Amino acid sequence: MSTFFQAWRRRQADRQVHEWEEEKDEARRAVQEAPPWIRADVRRIVETLIEGPDDAIQGAIDELGRLLETDSELKQRFFRLQIVDDAVQFLRSGSES
């Protein structure tokens, strides 16, 4: 029984790693679609969400919103990304505690 459980947990962990890699790739592809004049800032923000500390998330989300406020379609595109949505949910859950 424990052998099956260990194999199952390992497979679950592998799936999560694969999903996380896909989410990071999707976010980085979206950065490439951002207008050139904000691309570097958007890249920095996305990388902060991917690799940065928890205490940098609020500032990154706020800055992303400001950068994209004049392009509602692009803003929706970024805020639908799983990484951005997860960051927003993380911030909401922290304010509910």
N, C-alpha and C. Protein backbone atom coordinates (compact mmCIF):
# COMPACT_ATOMS: atom_id res chain seq x y z
N MET A 1 0.82 -1.20 0.00
CA MET A 1 0.00 0.00 0.00
C MET A 1 0.86 1.25 0.00
N SER A 2 1.86 1.31 0.84
CA SER A 2 2.67 2.52 0.90
C SER A 2 3.44 2.74 -0.40
N THR A 3 3.79 1.70 -1.12
CA THR A 3 4.48 1.86 -2.39
C THR A 3 3.56 2.54 -3.40
N PHE A 4 2.30 2.10 -3.47
CA PHE A 4 1.34 2.75 -4.36
C PHE A 4 1.17 4.22 -3.99
N PHE A 5 1.00 4.49 -2.71
CA PHE A 5 0.81 5.87 -2.26
C PHE A 5 2.01 6.74 -2.62
N GLN A 6 3.20 6.25 -2.42
CA GLN A 6 4.41 7.00 -2.77
C GLN A 6 4.47 7.27 -4.27
N ALA A 7 4.14 6.27 -5.07
CA ALA A 7 4.14 6.46 -6.53
C ALA A 7 3.08 7.48 -6.94
N TRP A 8 1.92 7.40 -6.31
CA TRP A 8 0.84 8.34 -6.61
C TRP A 8 1.24 9.77 -6.25
N ARG A 9 1.83 9.95 -5.07
CA ARG A 9 2.27 11.28 -4.63
C ARG A 9 3.35 11.83 -5.55
N ARG A 10 4.25 10.97 -5.97
CA ARG A 10 5.32 11.40 -6.89
C ARG A 10 4.70 11.85 -8.22
N ARG A 11 3.72 11.10 -8.71
CA ARG A 11 3.06 11.47 -9.96
C ARG A 11 2.31 12.80 -9.81
N GLN A 12 1.66 12.99 -8.69
CA GLN A 12 0.97 14.26 -8.42
C GLN A 12 1.96 15.42 -8.38
N ALA A 13 3.07 15.22 -7.73
CA ALA A 13 4.09 16.27 -7.65
C ALA A 13 4.64 16.58 -9.04
N ASP A 14 4.87 15.55 -9.85
CA ASP A 14 5.35 15.76 -11.22
C ASP A 14 4.34 16.56 -12.04
N ARG A 15 3.05 16.26 -11.86
CA ARG A 15 2.01 17.02 -12.56
C ARG A 15 2.02 18.49 -12.15
N GLN A 16 2.16 18.72 -10.86
CA GLN A 16 2.18 20.10 -10.38
C GLN A 16 3.37 20.87 -10.94
N VAL A 17 4.51 20.23 -10.99
CA VAL A 17 5.70 20.87 -11.56
C VAL A 17 5.45 21.19 -13.03
N HIS A 18 4.88 20.25 -13.76
CA HIS A 18 4.59 20.45 -15.18
C HIS A 18 3.61 21.62 -15.37
N GLU A 19 2.56 21.67 -14.56
CA GLU A 19 1.58 22.76 -14.65
C GLU A 19 2.22 24.10 -14.34
N TRP A 20 3.07 24.14 -13.33
CA TRP A 20 3.74 25.38 -12.94
C TRP A 20 4.64 25.86 -14.08
N GLU A 21 5.36 24.94 -14.71
CA GLU A 21 6.22 25.31 -15.84
C GLU A 21 5.38 25.87 -16.99
N GLU A 22 4.25 25.24 -17.27
CA GLU A 22 3.36 25.74 -18.33
C GLU A 22 2.84 27.14 -18.00
N GLU A 23 2.48 27.36 -16.75
CA GLU A 23 1.97 28.68 -16.34
C GLU A 23 3.06 29.74 -16.47
N LYS A 24 4.27 29.41 -16.09
CA LYS A 24 5.38 30.36 -16.23
C LYS A 24 5.64 30.66 -17.71
N ASP A 25 5.63 29.63 -18.55
CA ASP A 25 5.84 29.83 -19.98
C ASP A 25 4.75 30.70 -20.59
N GLU A 26 3.51 30.45 -20.19
CA GLU A 26 2.39 31.25 -20.70
C GLU A 26 2.55 32.73 -20.31
N ALA A 27 2.94 32.97 -19.08
CA ALA A 27 3.14 34.35 -18.62
C ALA A 27 4.29 35.02 -19.38
N ARG A 28 5.34 34.30 -19.61
CA ARG A 28 6.48 34.86 -20.35
C ARG A 28 6.13 35.11 -21.81
N ARG A 29 5.29 34.27 -22.40
CA ARG A 29 4.82 34.52 -23.78
C ARG A 29 3.96 35.78 -23.81
N ALA A 30 3.14 35.97 -22.81
CA ALA A 30 2.29 37.17 -22.75
C ALA A 30 3.15 38.42 -22.68
N VAL A 31 4.27 38.35 -21.97
CA VAL A 31 5.18 39.50 -21.89
C VAL A 31 5.65 39.89 -23.29
N GLN A 32 5.95 38.90 -24.11
CA GLN A 32 6.42 39.18 -25.47
C GLN A 32 5.36 39.88 -26.32
N GLU A 33 4.10 39.73 -25.95
CA GLU A 33 3.00 40.37 -26.67
C GLU A 33 2.71 41.78 -26.17
N ALA A 34 3.33 42.16 -25.07
CA ALA A 34 3.11 43.51 -24.52
C ALA A 34 3.76 44.54 -25.45
N PRO A 35 3.20 45.73 -25.51
CA PRO A 35 3.81 46.78 -26.35
C PRO A 35 5.27 47.01 -25.94
N PRO A 36 6.12 47.29 -26.90
CA PRO A 36 7.55 47.43 -26.62
C PRO A 36 7.88 48.46 -25.54
N TRP A 37 7.10 49.54 -25.46
CA TRP A 37 7.42 50.60 -24.52
C TRP A 37 7.14 50.23 -23.06
N ILE A 38 6.40 49.15 -22.81
CA ILE A 38 6.20 48.71 -21.43
C ILE A 38 6.71 47.29 -21.18
N ARG A 39 7.21 46.66 -22.23
CA ARG A 39 7.60 45.24 -22.14
C ARG A 39 8.61 44.98 -21.03
N ALA A 40 9.62 45.81 -20.90
CA ALA A 40 10.64 45.57 -19.87
C ALA A 40 10.03 45.64 -18.47
N ASP A 41 9.14 46.60 -18.25
CA ASP A 41 8.50 46.71 -16.94
C ASP A 41 7.57 45.52 -16.68
N VAL A 42 6.82 45.12 -17.70
CA VAL A 42 5.92 43.98 -17.54
C VAL A 42 6.73 42.71 -17.27
N ARG A 43 7.86 42.56 -17.96
CA ARG A 43 8.72 41.40 -17.74
C ARG A 43 9.22 41.37 -16.30
N ARG A 44 9.66 42.51 -15.80
CA ARG A 44 10.15 42.59 -14.43
C ARG A 44 9.04 42.23 -13.43
N ILE A 45 7.84 42.70 -13.68
CA ILE A 45 6.71 42.42 -12.80
C ILE A 45 6.38 40.93 -12.81
N VAL A 46 6.29 40.35 -14.01
CA VAL A 46 5.98 38.92 -14.11
C VAL A 46 7.06 38.09 -13.43
N GLU A 47 8.31 38.45 -13.63
CA GLU A 47 9.39 37.70 -12.98
C GLU A 47 9.31 37.85 -11.46
N THR A 48 8.87 39.01 -10.99
CA THR A 48 8.68 39.19 -9.55
C THR A 48 7.59 38.24 -9.04
N LEU A 49 6.52 38.10 -9.81
CA LEU A 49 5.45 37.19 -9.40
C LEU A 49 5.92 35.74 -9.43
N ILE A 50 6.78 35.41 -10.36
CA ILE A 50 7.28 34.04 -10.49
C ILE A 50 8.33 33.72 -9.43
N GLU A 51 9.28 34.60 -9.26
CA GLU A 51 10.45 34.29 -8.43
C GLU A 51 10.60 35.17 -7.19
N GLY A 52 9.81 36.22 -7.09
CA GLY A 52 10.03 37.20 -6.04
C GLY A 52 9.47 36.78 -4.69
N PRO A 53 9.80 37.56 -3.68
CA PRO A 53 9.30 37.28 -2.33
C PRO A 53 7.83 37.67 -2.20
N ASP A 54 7.17 37.07 -1.24
CA ASP A 54 5.74 37.34 -1.02
C ASP A 54 5.46 38.82 -0.78
N ASP A 55 6.37 39.50 -0.09
CA ASP A 55 6.10 40.90 0.23
C ASP A 55 6.23 41.83 -0.97
N ALA A 56 6.65 41.32 -2.13
CA ALA A 56 6.74 42.13 -3.34
C ALA A 56 5.51 41.96 -4.24
N ILE A 57 4.63 41.04 -3.89
CA ILE A 57 3.50 40.73 -4.76
C ILE A 57 2.52 41.89 -4.87
N GLN A 58 2.17 42.51 -3.76
CA GLN A 58 1.21 43.62 -3.80
C GLN A 58 1.70 44.73 -4.71
N GLY A 59 2.94 45.13 -4.55
CA GLY A 59 3.50 46.19 -5.39
C GLY A 59 3.53 45.80 -6.86
N ALA A 60 3.85 44.54 -7.14
CA ALA A 60 3.89 44.07 -8.52
C ALA A 60 2.50 44.11 -9.16
N ILE A 61 1.50 43.64 -8.44
CA ILE A 61 0.13 43.64 -8.97
C ILE A 61 -0.36 45.07 -9.17
N ASP A 62 -0.07 45.94 -8.21
CA ASP A 62 -0.48 47.35 -8.35
C ASP A 62 0.20 48.00 -9.56
N GLU A 63 1.49 47.75 -9.73
CA GLU A 63 2.22 48.34 -10.85
C GLU A 63 1.70 47.78 -12.19
N LEU A 64 1.42 46.49 -12.23
CA LEU A 64 0.89 45.90 -13.45
C LEU A 64 -0.45 46.55 -13.82
N GLY A 65 -1.29 46.75 -12.84
CA GLY A 65 -2.57 47.41 -13.10
C GLY A 65 -2.39 48.82 -13.64
N ARG A 66 -1.45 49.56 -13.07
CA ARG A 66 -1.18 50.93 -13.54
C ARG A 66 -0.63 50.93 -14.97
N LEU A 67 0.31 50.02 -15.24
CA LEU A 67 0.92 49.97 -16.57
C LEU A 67 -0.11 49.64 -17.65
N LEU A 68 -1.08 48.83 -17.31
CA LEU A 68 -2.03 48.35 -18.31
C LEU A 68 -3.37 49.07 -18.27
N GLU A 69 -3.50 50.10 -17.45
CA GLU A 69 -4.80 50.74 -17.26
C GLU A 69 -5.36 51.38 -18.53
N THR A 70 -4.52 51.72 -19.48
CA THR A 70 -5.02 52.36 -20.70
C THR A 70 -5.37 51.35 -21.79
N ASP A 71 -5.08 50.09 -21.57
CA ASP A 71 -5.38 49.05 -22.57
C ASP A 71 -6.16 47.93 -21.87
N SER A 72 -7.48 48.06 -21.87
CA SER A 72 -8.31 47.12 -21.12
C SER A 72 -8.19 45.69 -21.64
N GLU A 73 -8.02 45.52 -22.94
CA GLU A 73 -7.88 44.17 -23.49
C GLU A 73 -6.59 43.50 -23.00
N LEU A 74 -5.50 44.24 -23.03
CA LEU A 74 -4.23 43.70 -22.55
C LEU A 74 -4.27 43.46 -21.04
N LYS A 75 -4.93 44.36 -20.32
CA LYS A 75 -5.06 44.18 -18.88
C LYS A 75 -5.83 42.90 -18.57
N GLN A 76 -6.92 42.69 -19.28
CA GLN A 76 -7.69 41.45 -19.07
C GLN A 76 -6.85 40.23 -19.39
N ARG A 77 -6.06 40.32 -20.46
CA ARG A 77 -5.20 39.19 -20.85
C ARG A 77 -4.25 38.82 -19.72
N PHE A 78 -3.62 39.83 -19.13
CA PHE A 78 -2.64 39.56 -18.07
C PHE A 78 -3.32 39.11 -16.78
N PHE A 79 -4.44 39.72 -16.45
CA PHE A 79 -5.09 39.35 -15.20
C PHE A 79 -5.83 38.02 -15.28
N ARG A 80 -5.93 37.46 -16.49
CA ARG A 80 -6.45 36.09 -16.64
C ARG A 80 -5.34 35.04 -16.55
N LEU A 81 -4.09 35.47 -16.63
CA LEU A 81 -2.99 34.52 -16.48
C LEU A 81 -3.05 33.88 -15.10
N GLN A 82 -2.80 32.59 -15.04
CA GLN A 82 -2.90 31.87 -13.77
C GLN A 82 -1.96 32.46 -12.72
N ILE A 83 -0.76 32.85 -13.13
CA ILE A 83 0.20 33.39 -12.17
C ILE A 83 -0.31 34.70 -11.56
N VAL A 84 -0.87 35.56 -12.40
CA VAL A 84 -1.40 36.83 -11.89
C VAL A 84 -2.63 36.57 -11.03
N ASP A 85 -3.51 35.71 -11.51
CA ASP A 85 -4.72 35.38 -10.74
C ASP A 85 -4.35 34.76 -9.38
N ASP A 86 -3.37 33.86 -9.38
CA ASP A 86 -2.93 33.27 -8.11
C ASP A 86 -2.39 34.34 -7.17
N ALA A 87 -1.65 35.31 -7.71
CA ALA A 87 -1.11 36.39 -6.87
C ALA A 87 -2.25 37.22 -6.28
N VAL A 88 -3.25 37.54 -7.10
CA VAL A 88 -4.40 38.31 -6.61
C VAL A 88 -5.13 37.52 -5.53
N GLN A 89 -5.35 36.24 -5.76
CA GLN A 89 -6.02 35.40 -4.76
C GLN A 89 -5.20 35.31 -3.47
N PHE A 90 -3.89 35.21 -3.61
CA PHE A 90 -3.01 35.19 -2.44
C PHE A 90 -3.17 36.47 -1.62
N LEU A 91 -3.22 37.60 -2.31
CA LEU A 91 -3.38 38.88 -1.60
C LEU A 91 -4.74 38.96 -0.93
N ARG A 92 -5.77 38.49 -1.60
CA ARG A 92 -7.12 38.50 -1.01
C ARG A 92 -7.18 37.61 0.22
N SER A 93 -6.57 36.44 0.14
CA SER A 93 -6.61 35.52 1.29
C SER A 93 -5.84 36.08 2.47
N GLY A 94 -4.82 36.85 2.20
CA GLY A 94 -4.05 37.48 3.27
C GLY A 94 -4.83 38.60 3.95
N SER A 95 -5.67 39.28 3.19
CA SER A 95 -6.46 40.38 3.77
C SER A 95 -7.68 39.85 4.50
N GLU A 96 -8.05 38.59 4.25
CA GLU A 96 -9.20 38.00 4.93
C GLU A 96 -8.81 37.39 6.26
N SER A 97 -7.52 37.20 6.47
CA SER A 97 -7.06 36.56 7.73
C SER A 97 -7.15 37.48 8.90
